[in-house]
Amino acid sequence: MVTNNSKETAKIAVTALEEKKAKDLKLLDISDVSVIADYFIIASGSNRNQVQAMADEVEEKLGKAGFTPRQVEGYQTANWILMDYQDIIIHIFDEENRLFYDLERIWRDGNLMEKVDLEG
């Protein structure tokens, strides 16, 4: 079951990614198909600096809201940064690795959502 806390976390993360011009931003509700999280947020950046800036913005905005990541992986190489916030997992890719790993295909049983779906 999706909690208001995970909706709030996801909304802040999506907004932070939008502020850093994330490309092809996808929000997947995976709560009905997996126990690992309620949401996957998947986004791309065009280069290493942008990918890291997106991760920094997410961490800063969620930190100010009182959310701390359980784990962050891949920051140094910045071809796939995974940010685990328990109920939401954020995947920030460079364009090449996004195509290669194709998480949207792997998690196609999840429900594609829009940011407005997080309201209320």
N, C-alpha and C. Protein backbone atom coordinates (compact mmCIF):
# COMPACT_ATOMS: atom_id res chain seq x y z
N MET A 1 0.83 -1.18 0.00
CA MET A 1 0.00 0.00 0.00
C MET A 1 0.88 1.25 0.00
N VAL A 2 0.57 2.17 -0.87
CA VAL A 2 1.32 3.42 -0.98
C VAL A 2 0.93 4.35 0.16
N THR A 3 1.92 4.87 0.85
CA THR A 3 1.64 5.79 1.96
C THR A 3 1.76 7.24 1.49
N ASN A 4 1.15 8.14 2.27
CA ASN A 4 1.28 9.57 1.96
C ASN A 4 2.74 10.00 2.05
N ASN A 5 3.49 9.37 2.96
CA ASN A 5 4.90 9.68 3.11
C ASN A 5 5.67 9.38 1.82
N SER A 6 5.39 8.24 1.20
CA SER A 6 6.09 7.90 -0.03
C SER A 6 5.64 8.80 -1.17
N LYS A 7 4.37 9.20 -1.18
CA LYS A 7 3.90 10.15 -2.20
C LYS A 7 4.62 11.48 -2.06
N GLU A 8 4.74 11.96 -0.82
CA GLU A 8 5.42 13.23 -0.57
C GLU A 8 6.89 13.15 -0.99
N THR A 9 7.54 12.06 -0.61
CA THR A 9 8.95 11.86 -0.98
C THR A 9 9.10 11.85 -2.49
N ALA A 10 8.24 11.11 -3.18
CA ALA A 10 8.31 11.03 -4.63
C ALA A 10 8.08 12.39 -5.29
N LYS A 11 7.12 13.13 -4.77
CA LYS A 11 6.81 14.45 -5.35
C LYS A 11 8.00 15.40 -5.23
N ILE A 12 8.63 15.41 -4.07
CA ILE A 12 9.81 16.26 -3.86
C ILE A 12 10.93 15.84 -4.81
N ALA A 13 11.15 14.53 -4.93
CA ALA A 13 12.22 14.03 -5.80
C ALA A 13 11.96 14.37 -7.25
N VAL A 14 10.74 14.19 -7.71
CA VAL A 14 10.40 14.52 -9.11
C VAL A 14 10.62 16.00 -9.37
N THR A 15 10.19 16.85 -8.45
CA THR A 15 10.37 18.30 -8.59
C THR A 15 11.86 18.65 -8.66
N ALA A 16 12.66 18.04 -7.80
CA ALA A 16 14.10 18.30 -7.80
C ALA A 16 14.72 17.89 -9.13
N LEU A 17 14.32 16.76 -9.66
CA LEU A 17 14.85 16.30 -10.95
C LEU A 17 14.42 17.23 -12.08
N GLU A 18 13.18 17.69 -12.04
CA GLU A 18 12.70 18.64 -13.05
C GLU A 18 13.51 19.93 -13.01
N GLU A 19 13.85 20.38 -11.81
CA GLU A 19 14.61 21.63 -11.66
C GLU A 19 15.99 21.53 -12.30
N LYS A 20 16.53 20.32 -12.37
CA LYS A 20 17.84 20.11 -12.99
C LYS A 20 17.72 19.58 -14.42
N LYS A 21 16.54 19.80 -15.00
CA LYS A 21 16.30 19.49 -16.43
C LYS A 21 16.48 18.01 -16.76
N ALA A 22 15.97 17.13 -15.90
CA ALA A 22 16.01 15.69 -16.16
C ALA A 22 15.31 15.38 -17.47
N LYS A 23 15.87 14.44 -18.21
CA LYS A 23 15.26 14.03 -19.47
C LYS A 23 14.46 12.75 -19.26
N ASP A 24 13.36 12.64 -19.98
CA ASP A 24 12.56 11.42 -20.02
C ASP A 24 12.26 10.90 -18.61
N LEU A 25 11.74 11.78 -17.77
CA LEU A 25 11.43 11.47 -16.38
C LEU A 25 10.21 10.55 -16.31
N LYS A 26 10.38 9.41 -15.65
CA LYS A 26 9.29 8.45 -15.51
C LYS A 26 9.07 8.15 -14.03
N LEU A 27 7.80 8.07 -13.65
CA LEU A 27 7.40 7.72 -12.30
C LEU A 27 6.56 6.45 -12.39
N LEU A 28 7.05 5.38 -11.78
CA LEU A 28 6.35 4.10 -11.81
C LEU A 28 5.88 3.72 -10.41
N ASP A 29 4.60 3.43 -10.29
CA ASP A 29 4.06 2.88 -9.06
C ASP A 29 4.26 1.37 -9.14
N ILE A 30 5.15 0.85 -8.31
CA ILE A 30 5.43 -0.59 -8.33
C ILE A 30 4.90 -1.29 -7.08
N SER A 31 4.06 -0.60 -6.33
CA SER A 31 3.58 -1.13 -5.04
C SER A 31 2.78 -2.41 -5.20
N ASP A 32 2.13 -2.60 -6.35
CA ASP A 32 1.34 -3.82 -6.56
C ASP A 32 2.17 -4.98 -7.11
N VAL A 33 3.39 -4.70 -7.56
CA VAL A 33 4.19 -5.76 -8.19
C VAL A 33 5.47 -6.10 -7.43
N SER A 34 5.78 -5.33 -6.38
CA SER A 34 7.02 -5.57 -5.64
C SER A 34 6.90 -5.08 -4.21
N VAL A 35 7.66 -5.71 -3.34
CA VAL A 35 7.69 -5.27 -1.94
C VAL A 35 8.90 -4.37 -1.66
N ILE A 36 9.76 -4.17 -2.65
CA ILE A 36 10.98 -3.40 -2.39
C ILE A 36 10.75 -1.90 -2.27
N ALA A 37 9.68 -1.41 -2.90
CA ALA A 37 9.40 0.03 -2.85
C ALA A 37 7.99 0.29 -3.37
N ASP A 38 7.52 1.51 -3.15
CA ASP A 38 6.24 1.93 -3.72
C ASP A 38 6.45 2.52 -5.12
N TYR A 39 7.54 3.30 -5.26
CA TYR A 39 7.78 3.99 -6.53
C TYR A 39 9.21 3.81 -7.01
N PHE A 40 9.34 3.74 -8.31
CA PHE A 40 10.61 3.92 -8.99
C PHE A 40 10.52 5.24 -9.72
N ILE A 41 11.54 6.05 -9.60
CA ILE A 41 11.66 7.27 -10.40
C ILE A 41 12.88 7.07 -11.28
N ILE A 42 12.69 7.22 -12.58
CA ILE A 42 13.76 6.98 -13.54
C ILE A 42 13.94 8.26 -14.36
N ALA A 43 15.19 8.71 -14.48
CA ALA A 43 15.47 9.93 -15.23
C ALA A 43 16.84 9.81 -15.88
N SER A 44 17.05 10.65 -16.89
CA SER A 44 18.33 10.67 -17.60
C SER A 44 18.92 12.07 -17.58
N GLY A 45 20.25 12.08 -17.63
CA GLY A 45 20.99 13.31 -17.81
C GLY A 45 21.90 13.15 -19.01
N SER A 46 22.29 14.25 -19.61
CA SER A 46 23.06 14.16 -20.85
C SER A 46 24.56 13.99 -20.63
N ASN A 47 25.04 14.26 -19.41
CA ASN A 47 26.46 14.07 -19.13
C ASN A 47 26.66 13.84 -17.63
N ARG A 48 27.88 13.49 -17.29
CA ARG A 48 28.22 13.15 -15.90
C ARG A 48 27.88 14.27 -14.92
N ASN A 49 28.21 15.49 -15.30
CA ASN A 49 27.94 16.63 -14.42
C ASN A 49 26.45 16.81 -14.15
N GLN A 50 25.63 16.66 -15.20
CA GLN A 50 24.19 16.82 -15.01
C GLN A 50 23.63 15.68 -14.16
N VAL A 51 24.08 14.46 -14.40
CA VAL A 51 23.61 13.32 -13.62
C VAL A 51 23.93 13.53 -12.13
N GLN A 52 25.15 13.96 -11.84
CA GLN A 52 25.53 14.22 -10.45
C GLN A 52 24.74 15.41 -9.87
N ALA A 53 24.53 16.44 -10.67
CA ALA A 53 23.77 17.60 -10.19
C ALA A 53 22.33 17.21 -9.86
N MET A 54 21.76 16.33 -10.66
CA MET A 54 20.41 15.85 -10.38
C MET A 54 20.37 15.09 -9.05
N ALA A 55 21.35 14.22 -8.82
CA ALA A 55 21.42 13.46 -7.56
C ALA A 55 21.63 14.42 -6.38
N ASP A 56 22.49 15.41 -6.55
CA ASP A 56 22.73 16.39 -5.48
C ASP A 56 21.45 17.14 -5.14
N GLU A 57 20.70 17.54 -6.16
CA GLU A 57 19.46 18.30 -5.95
C GLU A 57 18.42 17.44 -5.21
N VAL A 58 18.30 16.20 -5.61
CA VAL A 58 17.36 15.29 -4.94
C VAL A 58 17.75 15.14 -3.47
N GLU A 59 19.02 14.89 -3.23
CA GLU A 59 19.48 14.70 -1.85
C GLU A 59 19.27 15.95 -1.00
N GLU A 60 19.55 17.10 -1.59
CA GLU A 60 19.37 18.36 -0.85
C GLU A 60 17.90 18.62 -0.53
N LYS A 61 17.03 18.50 -1.54
CA LYS A 61 15.61 18.80 -1.34
C LYS A 61 14.96 17.79 -0.38
N LEU A 62 15.27 16.52 -0.54
CA LEU A 62 14.70 15.52 0.35
C LEU A 62 15.28 15.66 1.76
N GLY A 63 16.57 16.01 1.85
CA GLY A 63 17.19 16.24 3.15
C GLY A 63 16.51 17.36 3.91
N LYS A 64 16.19 18.45 3.21
CA LYS A 64 15.51 19.58 3.85
C LYS A 64 14.12 19.19 4.34
N ALA A 65 13.52 18.20 3.66
CA ALA A 65 12.19 17.73 4.05
C ALA A 65 12.26 16.63 5.10
N GLY A 66 13.48 16.28 5.53
CA GLY A 66 13.64 15.31 6.60
C GLY A 66 13.82 13.86 6.15
N PHE A 67 14.06 13.66 4.85
CA PHE A 67 14.26 12.31 4.33
C PHE A 67 15.74 12.09 4.03
N THR A 68 16.27 10.99 4.53
CA THR A 68 17.67 10.66 4.26
C THR A 68 17.73 9.34 3.50
N PRO A 69 18.66 9.25 2.56
CA PRO A 69 18.74 8.00 1.79
C PRO A 69 19.29 6.86 2.63
N ARG A 70 18.76 5.69 2.39
CA ARG A 70 19.31 4.50 3.04
C ARG A 70 20.64 4.17 2.38
N GLN A 71 20.72 4.43 1.06
CA GLN A 71 21.93 4.12 0.31
C GLN A 71 21.94 4.92 -0.99
N VAL A 72 23.14 5.31 -1.39
CA VAL A 72 23.36 5.94 -2.70
C VAL A 72 24.53 5.21 -3.34
N GLU A 73 24.33 4.74 -4.55
CA GLU A 73 25.39 4.02 -5.26
C GLU A 73 25.62 4.63 -6.63
N GLY A 74 26.84 4.57 -7.09
CA GLY A 74 27.18 4.97 -8.45
C GLY A 74 27.46 6.44 -8.66
N TYR A 75 27.58 7.20 -7.58
CA TYR A 75 27.75 8.65 -7.73
C TYR A 75 29.04 9.02 -8.46
N GLN A 76 30.12 8.36 -8.13
CA GLN A 76 31.42 8.74 -8.71
C GLN A 76 31.46 8.53 -10.23
N THR A 77 30.99 7.39 -10.68
CA THR A 77 31.02 7.14 -12.13
C THR A 77 29.89 7.87 -12.84
N ALA A 78 28.77 8.03 -12.16
CA ALA A 78 27.61 8.79 -12.66
C ALA A 78 27.05 8.26 -13.97
N ASN A 79 27.20 6.96 -14.23
CA ASN A 79 26.48 6.43 -15.40
C ASN A 79 25.15 5.83 -14.96
N TRP A 80 25.03 5.46 -13.69
CA TRP A 80 23.76 5.06 -13.10
C TRP A 80 23.87 5.31 -11.61
N ILE A 81 23.18 6.34 -11.14
CA ILE A 81 23.14 6.62 -9.71
C ILE A 81 21.82 6.07 -9.17
N LEU A 82 21.94 5.23 -8.16
CA LEU A 82 20.77 4.65 -7.51
C LEU A 82 20.66 5.27 -6.12
N MET A 83 19.50 5.83 -5.84
CA MET A 83 19.26 6.46 -4.54
C MET A 83 18.08 5.75 -3.88
N ASP A 84 18.36 5.10 -2.77
CA ASP A 84 17.35 4.30 -2.08
C ASP A 84 16.80 5.09 -0.90
N TYR A 85 15.54 5.50 -1.03
CA TYR A 85 14.83 6.19 0.04
C TYR A 85 13.72 5.31 0.61
N GLN A 86 14.00 4.04 0.77
CA GLN A 86 13.09 3.03 1.30
C GLN A 86 11.85 2.85 0.43
N ASP A 87 10.88 3.74 0.52
CA ASP A 87 9.65 3.58 -0.24
C ASP A 87 9.76 4.05 -1.68
N ILE A 88 10.79 4.84 -1.97
CA ILE A 88 11.03 5.22 -3.36
C ILE A 88 12.49 4.94 -3.70
N ILE A 89 12.69 4.52 -4.91
CA ILE A 89 14.04 4.29 -5.40
C ILE A 89 14.21 5.12 -6.66
N ILE A 90 15.25 5.93 -6.65
CA ILE A 90 15.50 6.86 -7.75
C ILE A 90 16.68 6.34 -8.56
N HIS A 91 16.47 6.26 -9.86
CA HIS A 91 17.50 5.82 -10.80
C HIS A 91 17.81 6.99 -11.72
N ILE A 92 19.04 7.47 -11.68
CA ILE A 92 19.45 8.57 -12.56
C ILE A 92 20.55 8.03 -13.47
N PHE A 93 20.27 8.00 -14.75
CA PHE A 93 21.17 7.41 -15.73
C PHE A 93 21.78 8.44 -16.66
N ASP A 94 22.94 8.08 -17.24
CA ASP A 94 23.32 8.76 -18.47
C ASP A 94 22.50 8.09 -19.57
N GLU A 95 22.44 8.71 -20.74
CA GLU A 95 21.53 8.23 -21.78
C GLU A 95 21.89 6.82 -22.27
N GLU A 96 23.17 6.53 -22.40
CA GLU A 96 23.60 5.23 -22.91
C GLU A 96 23.20 4.09 -21.97
N ASN A 97 23.44 4.26 -20.68
CA ASN A 97 23.11 3.21 -19.72
C ASN A 97 21.60 3.08 -19.51
N ARG A 98 20.88 4.16 -19.67
CA ARG A 98 19.41 4.07 -19.57
C ARG A 98 18.87 3.15 -20.66
N LEU A 99 19.37 3.32 -21.86
CA LEU A 99 18.94 2.45 -22.96
C LEU A 99 19.36 1.01 -22.71
N PHE A 100 20.57 0.82 -22.22
CA PHE A 100 21.10 -0.52 -22.00
C PHE A 100 20.30 -1.29 -20.95
N TYR A 101 20.05 -0.66 -19.80
CA TYR A 101 19.38 -1.36 -18.71
C TYR A 101 17.86 -1.40 -18.85
N ASP A 102 17.28 -0.43 -19.53
CA ASP A 102 15.86 -0.42 -19.90
C ASP A 102 14.94 -0.84 -18.74
N LEU A 103 15.05 -0.13 -17.62
CA LEU A 103 14.24 -0.47 -16.45
C LEU A 103 12.74 -0.38 -16.71
N GLU A 104 12.34 0.52 -17.60
CA GLU A 104 10.91 0.63 -17.91
C GLU A 104 10.37 -0.68 -18.47
N ARG A 105 11.16 -1.38 -19.27
CA ARG A 105 10.72 -2.66 -19.82
C ARG A 105 10.68 -3.72 -18.73
N ILE A 106 11.72 -3.76 -17.90
CA ILE A 106 11.79 -4.75 -16.83
C ILE A 106 10.63 -4.57 -15.84
N TRP A 107 10.27 -3.34 -15.57
CA TRP A 107 9.22 -3.03 -14.59
C TRP A 107 7.92 -2.60 -15.26
N ARG A 108 7.65 -3.12 -16.46
CA ARG A 108 6.47 -2.69 -17.22
C ARG A 108 5.15 -3.04 -16.52
N ASP A 109 5.19 -3.95 -15.54
CA ASP A 109 3.97 -4.27 -14.80
C ASP A 109 3.61 -3.18 -13.80
N GLY A 110 4.53 -2.26 -13.55
CA GLY A 110 4.22 -1.12 -12.69
C GLY A 110 3.32 -0.14 -13.44
N ASN A 111 2.67 0.74 -12.70
CA ASN A 111 1.77 1.72 -13.30
C ASN A 111 2.51 3.03 -13.55
N LEU A 112 2.55 3.45 -14.80
CA LEU A 112 3.17 4.73 -15.15
C LEU A 112 2.27 5.83 -14.62
N MET A 113 2.88 6.76 -13.90
CA MET A 113 2.12 7.84 -13.28
C MET A 113 2.65 9.21 -13.72
N GLU A 114 1.87 10.21 -13.43
CA GLU A 114 2.28 11.60 -13.63
C GLU A 114 2.45 12.24 -12.26
N LYS A 115 3.19 13.32 -12.23
CA LYS A 115 3.43 14.02 -10.96
C LYS A 115 2.10 14.41 -10.29
N VAL A 116 1.11 14.80 -11.08
CA VAL A 116 -0.18 15.22 -10.50
C VAL A 116 -0.86 14.07 -9.76
N ASP A 117 -0.54 12.81 -10.13
CA ASP A 117 -1.12 11.66 -9.44
C ASP A 117 -0.65 11.57 -7.99
N LEU A 118 0.41 12.29 -7.64
CA LEU A 118 0.94 12.26 -6.27
C LEU A 118 0.21 13.24 -5.35
N GLU A 119 -0.64 14.08 -5.92
CA GLU A 119 -1.37 15.06 -5.12
C GLU A 119 -2.42 14.35 -4.27
N GLY A 120 -2.60 14.85 -3.05
CA GLY A 120 -3.67 14.36 -2.20
C GLY A 120 -3.49 13.08 -1.57
